[in-house]
Protein backbone atom coordinates (compact mmCIF):
# COMPACT_ATOMS: atom_id res chain seq x y z
CA MET A 1 2.19 -8.06 5.62
CA GLY A 2 5.45 -7.64 5.90
CA SER A 3 7.35 -5.22 8.37
CA GLY A 4 10.73 -4.68 6.25
CA LEU A 5 11.73 -2.08 8.97
CA GLY A 6 14.99 -1.27 7.14
CA LEU A 7 13.56 2.30 6.25
CA LEU A 8 16.28 3.24 3.79
CA THR A 9 18.30 0.08 3.08
CA ALA A 10 17.44 -2.72 0.90
CA GLN A 11 17.00 -5.31 3.65
CA PRO A 12 14.70 -8.39 3.16
CA ALA A 13 11.18 -7.75 3.56
CA LEU A 14 9.97 -9.41 6.88
CA ALA A 15 6.53 -10.21 7.43
CA GLY A 16 4.78 -10.03 10.84
CA ALA A 17 2.67 -12.72 12.44
CA GLN A 18 -0.46 -12.00 10.40
CA VAL A 19 -2.84 -14.95 9.91
CA GLU A 20 -5.66 -15.60 7.42
CA GLU A 21 -8.90 -14.68 9.32
CA ARG A 22 -12.32 -15.86 8.76
CA LEU A 23 -14.33 -13.37 6.66
CA SER A 24 -17.92 -12.92 6.63
CA HIS A 25 -19.85 -13.59 3.32
CA ALA A 26 -20.57 -9.82 3.21
CA VAL A 27 -17.05 -8.71 4.02
CA ARG A 28 -15.47 -11.28 1.45
CA THR A 29 -17.94 -10.20 -0.99
CA ALA A 30 -17.14 -6.34 -0.36
CA LEU A 31 -13.46 -6.87 -0.58
CA SER A 32 -13.62 -9.13 -3.61
CA ALA A 33 -15.41 -6.40 -5.65
CA ALA A 34 -13.09 -3.83 -4.55
CA VAL A 35 -9.92 -5.69 -5.68
CA ALA A 36 -11.82 -7.21 -8.99
CA HIS A 37 -12.88 -4.31 -10.91
CA ALA A 38 -9.99 -2.87 -13.06
CA ALA A 39 -9.86 0.75 -14.04
CA PRO A 40 -7.24 2.81 -15.82
CA PRO A 41 -5.41 4.70 -12.86
CA ASP A 42 -5.80 7.92 -14.46
CA PRO A 43 -6.68 10.46 -12.18
CA VAL A 44 -9.95 12.35 -12.75
CA LEU A 45 -9.15 15.98 -11.68
CA ALA A 46 -12.17 18.24 -12.22
CA THR A 47 -10.60 21.67 -11.71
CA THR A 48 -7.42 23.58 -12.53
CA ALA A 49 -6.48 23.81 -8.73
CA ASP A 50 -6.98 19.86 -8.82
CA GLN A 51 -4.86 19.52 -11.71
CA GLN A 52 -2.34 21.70 -10.57
CA ALA A 53 -2.16 20.03 -7.03
CA TYR A 54 -1.65 16.75 -8.50
CA ALA A 55 1.16 18.01 -10.72
CA ASP A 56 2.87 19.49 -7.68
CA TRP A 57 2.64 16.37 -5.98
CA LEU A 58 3.55 14.20 -8.64
CA ALA A 59 6.85 16.35 -9.16
CA ALA A 60 7.77 16.80 -5.44
CA THR A 61 7.11 12.98 -4.88
CA SER A 62 8.94 11.83 -7.86
CA ARG A 63 12.26 13.61 -6.70
CA LEU A 64 11.70 11.92 -3.17
CA LEU A 65 11.28 8.72 -4.62
CA ALA A 66 14.05 8.96 -7.18
CA ARG A 67 16.56 7.05 -4.41
CA PHE A 68 14.61 4.27 -4.56
CA GLN A 69 13.31 4.17 -8.33
CA SER A 70 15.72 5.53 -10.81
CA HIS A 71 13.67 5.07 -14.07
CA PRO A 72 11.58 8.31 -14.37
CA THR A 73 8.79 6.47 -16.39
CA GLU A 74 8.45 3.79 -14.01
CA ARG A 75 8.34 6.28 -11.06
CA GLN A 76 5.79 8.13 -13.11
CA GLU A 77 3.62 5.10 -13.89
CA PHE A 78 4.37 3.90 -10.00
CA LEU A 79 3.11 7.20 -8.53
CA GLN A 80 -0.05 7.62 -11.04
CA THR A 81 -0.95 4.26 -10.04
CA LEU A 82 -0.52 4.78 -6.16
CA TRP A 83 -2.30 8.11 -6.49
CA TYR A 84 -5.70 6.13 -8.07
CA GLU A 85 -5.45 3.17 -5.71
CA ALA A 86 -4.90 5.49 -2.43
CA ARG A 87 -7.72 7.67 -3.48
CA ARG A 88 -10.07 4.85 -4.51
CA ALA A 89 -9.42 3.51 -0.94
CA GLY A 90 -9.96 6.66 0.99
CA LEU A 91 -6.36 6.67 2.27
CA SER A 92 -3.65 9.20 2.74
CA LEU A 93 -1.05 9.11 -0.10
CA SER A 94 1.76 9.74 2.41
CA LEU A 95 0.37 7.04 4.70
CA VAL A 96 0.60 4.47 1.86
CA LEU A 97 3.94 5.80 0.60
CA GLY A 98 5.34 5.35 4.16
CA LEU A 99 3.86 1.89 4.73
CA ILE A 100 5.49 0.65 1.22
CA GLN A 101 8.97 2.34 2.19
CA VAL A 102 8.79 0.26 5.63
CA GLU A 103 7.51 -2.82 4.06
CA SER A 104 9.68 -3.13 0.75
CA ALA A 105 11.70 -0.17 0.29
CA PHE A 106 9.73 0.12 -2.96
CA ARG A 107 11.13 -3.07 -4.40
CA LYS A 108 8.35 -4.60 -6.62
CA HIS A 109 9.48 -8.29 -6.07
CA ALA A 110 10.20 -8.09 -2.55
CA VAL A 111 9.25 -11.38 -0.77
CA SER A 112 9.37 -11.62 2.86
CA PRO A 113 10.21 -15.02 4.75
CA ALA A 114 6.55 -15.46 5.51
CA GLY A 115 5.68 -15.34 1.57
CA ALA A 116 4.34 -11.62 1.66
CA ARG A 117 4.85 -10.11 -1.86
CA GLY A 118 5.50 -6.94 -3.80
CA TYR A 119 5.40 -3.48 -2.75
CA MET A 120 2.80 -3.40 -0.04
CA GLN A 121 3.74 -7.00 1.08
CA VAL A 122 0.36 -8.62 0.46
CA MET A 123 -0.01 -12.38 1.92
CA PRO A 124 -0.90 -14.80 -0.90
CA PHE A 125 -3.99 -15.87 1.17
CA TRP A 126 -5.64 -12.82 0.20
CA THR A 127 -5.67 -13.89 -3.41
CA ARG A 128 -7.53 -16.94 -2.47
CA SER A 129 -9.91 -15.25 0.05
CA ILE A 130 -10.64 -12.05 -2.32
CA GLY A 131 -9.28 -12.43 -5.61
CA ASP A 132 -8.81 -15.30 -8.47
CA GLY A 133 -6.27 -17.24 -6.44
CA ASP A 134 -3.36 -16.30 -8.69
CA ALA A 135 -0.71 -15.22 -6.15
CA SER A 136 1.88 -14.40 -8.95
CA ARG A 137 -0.13 -11.27 -9.77
CA LEU A 138 0.87 -9.68 -6.56
CA PHE A 139 3.98 -8.78 -8.44
CA HIS A 140 1.80 -6.60 -10.89
CA MET A 141 2.11 -3.15 -9.59
CA GLN A 142 -1.57 -2.14 -9.97
CA THR A 143 -2.69 -5.56 -8.50
CA ASN A 144 -0.31 -5.31 -5.44
CA LEU A 145 -1.21 -1.56 -4.90
CA ARG A 146 -4.96 -2.27 -5.34
CA PHE A 147 -4.70 -5.31 -3.00
CA GLY A 148 -2.68 -3.65 -0.25
CA CYS A 149 -4.86 -0.47 -0.21
CA VAL A 150 -8.08 -2.32 0.15
CA ILE A 151 -6.83 -4.77 2.84
CA LEU A 152 -5.44 -1.59 4.71
CA ARG A 153 -8.62 0.30 4.29
CA HIS A 154 -10.41 -3.09 5.65
CA TYR A 155 -8.17 -3.17 8.50
CA LEU A 156 -8.69 0.59 9.37
CA ASP A 157 -12.32 0.27 9.37
CA ARG A 158 -12.10 -2.83 11.23
CA GLU A 159 -10.36 -0.62 13.90
CA GLY A 160 -12.72 2.07 13.93
CA GLY A 161 -10.20 4.24 12.24
CA ASP A 162 -7.54 3.84 14.90
CA LEU A 163 -4.25 4.13 12.68
CA PHE A 164 -1.83 2.43 15.29
CA MET A 165 -4.35 -0.69 15.64
CA GLY A 166 -5.09 -0.87 11.93
CA LEU A 167 -1.44 -0.79 10.81
CA GLY A 168 -0.70 -3.29 13.53
CA ARG A 169 -3.09 -5.55 12.49
CA TYR A 170 -2.03 -4.85 8.52
CA ASN A 171 1.50 -6.06 9.67
CA GLY A 172 0.25 -9.04 12.08
CA SER A 173 1.59 -7.34 14.82
CA ARG A 174 -1.57 -5.68 16.45
CA GLY A 175 -0.74 -4.09 19.69
CA GLN A 176 2.68 -3.67 19.45
CA ALA A 177 4.60 -0.23 18.65
CA ALA A 178 7.32 -1.05 16.60
CA TYR A 179 5.41 -1.34 12.90
CA PRO A 180 3.08 1.35 13.44
CA ASP A 181 5.80 3.84 14.63
CA ALA A 182 7.98 2.92 11.82
CA VAL A 183 5.07 3.66 9.29
CA GLN A 184 4.14 6.79 10.82
CA THR A 185 7.88 8.02 10.61
CA ALA A 186 8.10 7.05 7.17
CA GLN A 187 4.88 8.70 6.37
CA ARG A 188 6.22 12.20 7.70
CA ARG A 189 8.73 12.24 4.90
CA TRP A 190 5.91 11.71 2.20
CA LEU A 191 3.45 14.34 3.76
CA GLN A 192 2.46 17.04 1.22
CA ALA A 193 -0.42 19.57 1.25
CA VAL A 194 -2.62 17.65 -1.31
CA ASP A 195 -2.62 14.75 1.26
């Protein structure tokens, strides 16, 4: 994963020292299943209160995101997909937004010097490990967000829920403070009640 620490500038995405790790068969199977099942990113909101909370989040986050993504329809699609994938992986919306801000500054086609790709700076080896092997699909919005969220969830679980260590593992800088601190600083910008 990249560490594009230029929080508000359009600097190149920078990848940390993440290396491909050997996964047990059970983990590989679970992660493969998590990224394979396509579903429409429409949120299922059972109550009027849930629908209102989603609408409020969407409006407020869209305003904040406008500085990074100017086209309103693309912003709406991005946020709807992010909501779906973050919720699907059991992640905080603000955490995923903060991570994307740090990783790629919301650039769909960002590529780090290490080869990490897209919004969440997913390393291509993940497509071989748990996907179909087509690394070009990492530039597809939903694919990138799905892989990134599934991988982040995996690393958080692997670190027993420790956000600092999980973020470090995601970036390939485990145990170093710069990346987790940058993501958590960016996360505060996106934090809302629905989170």
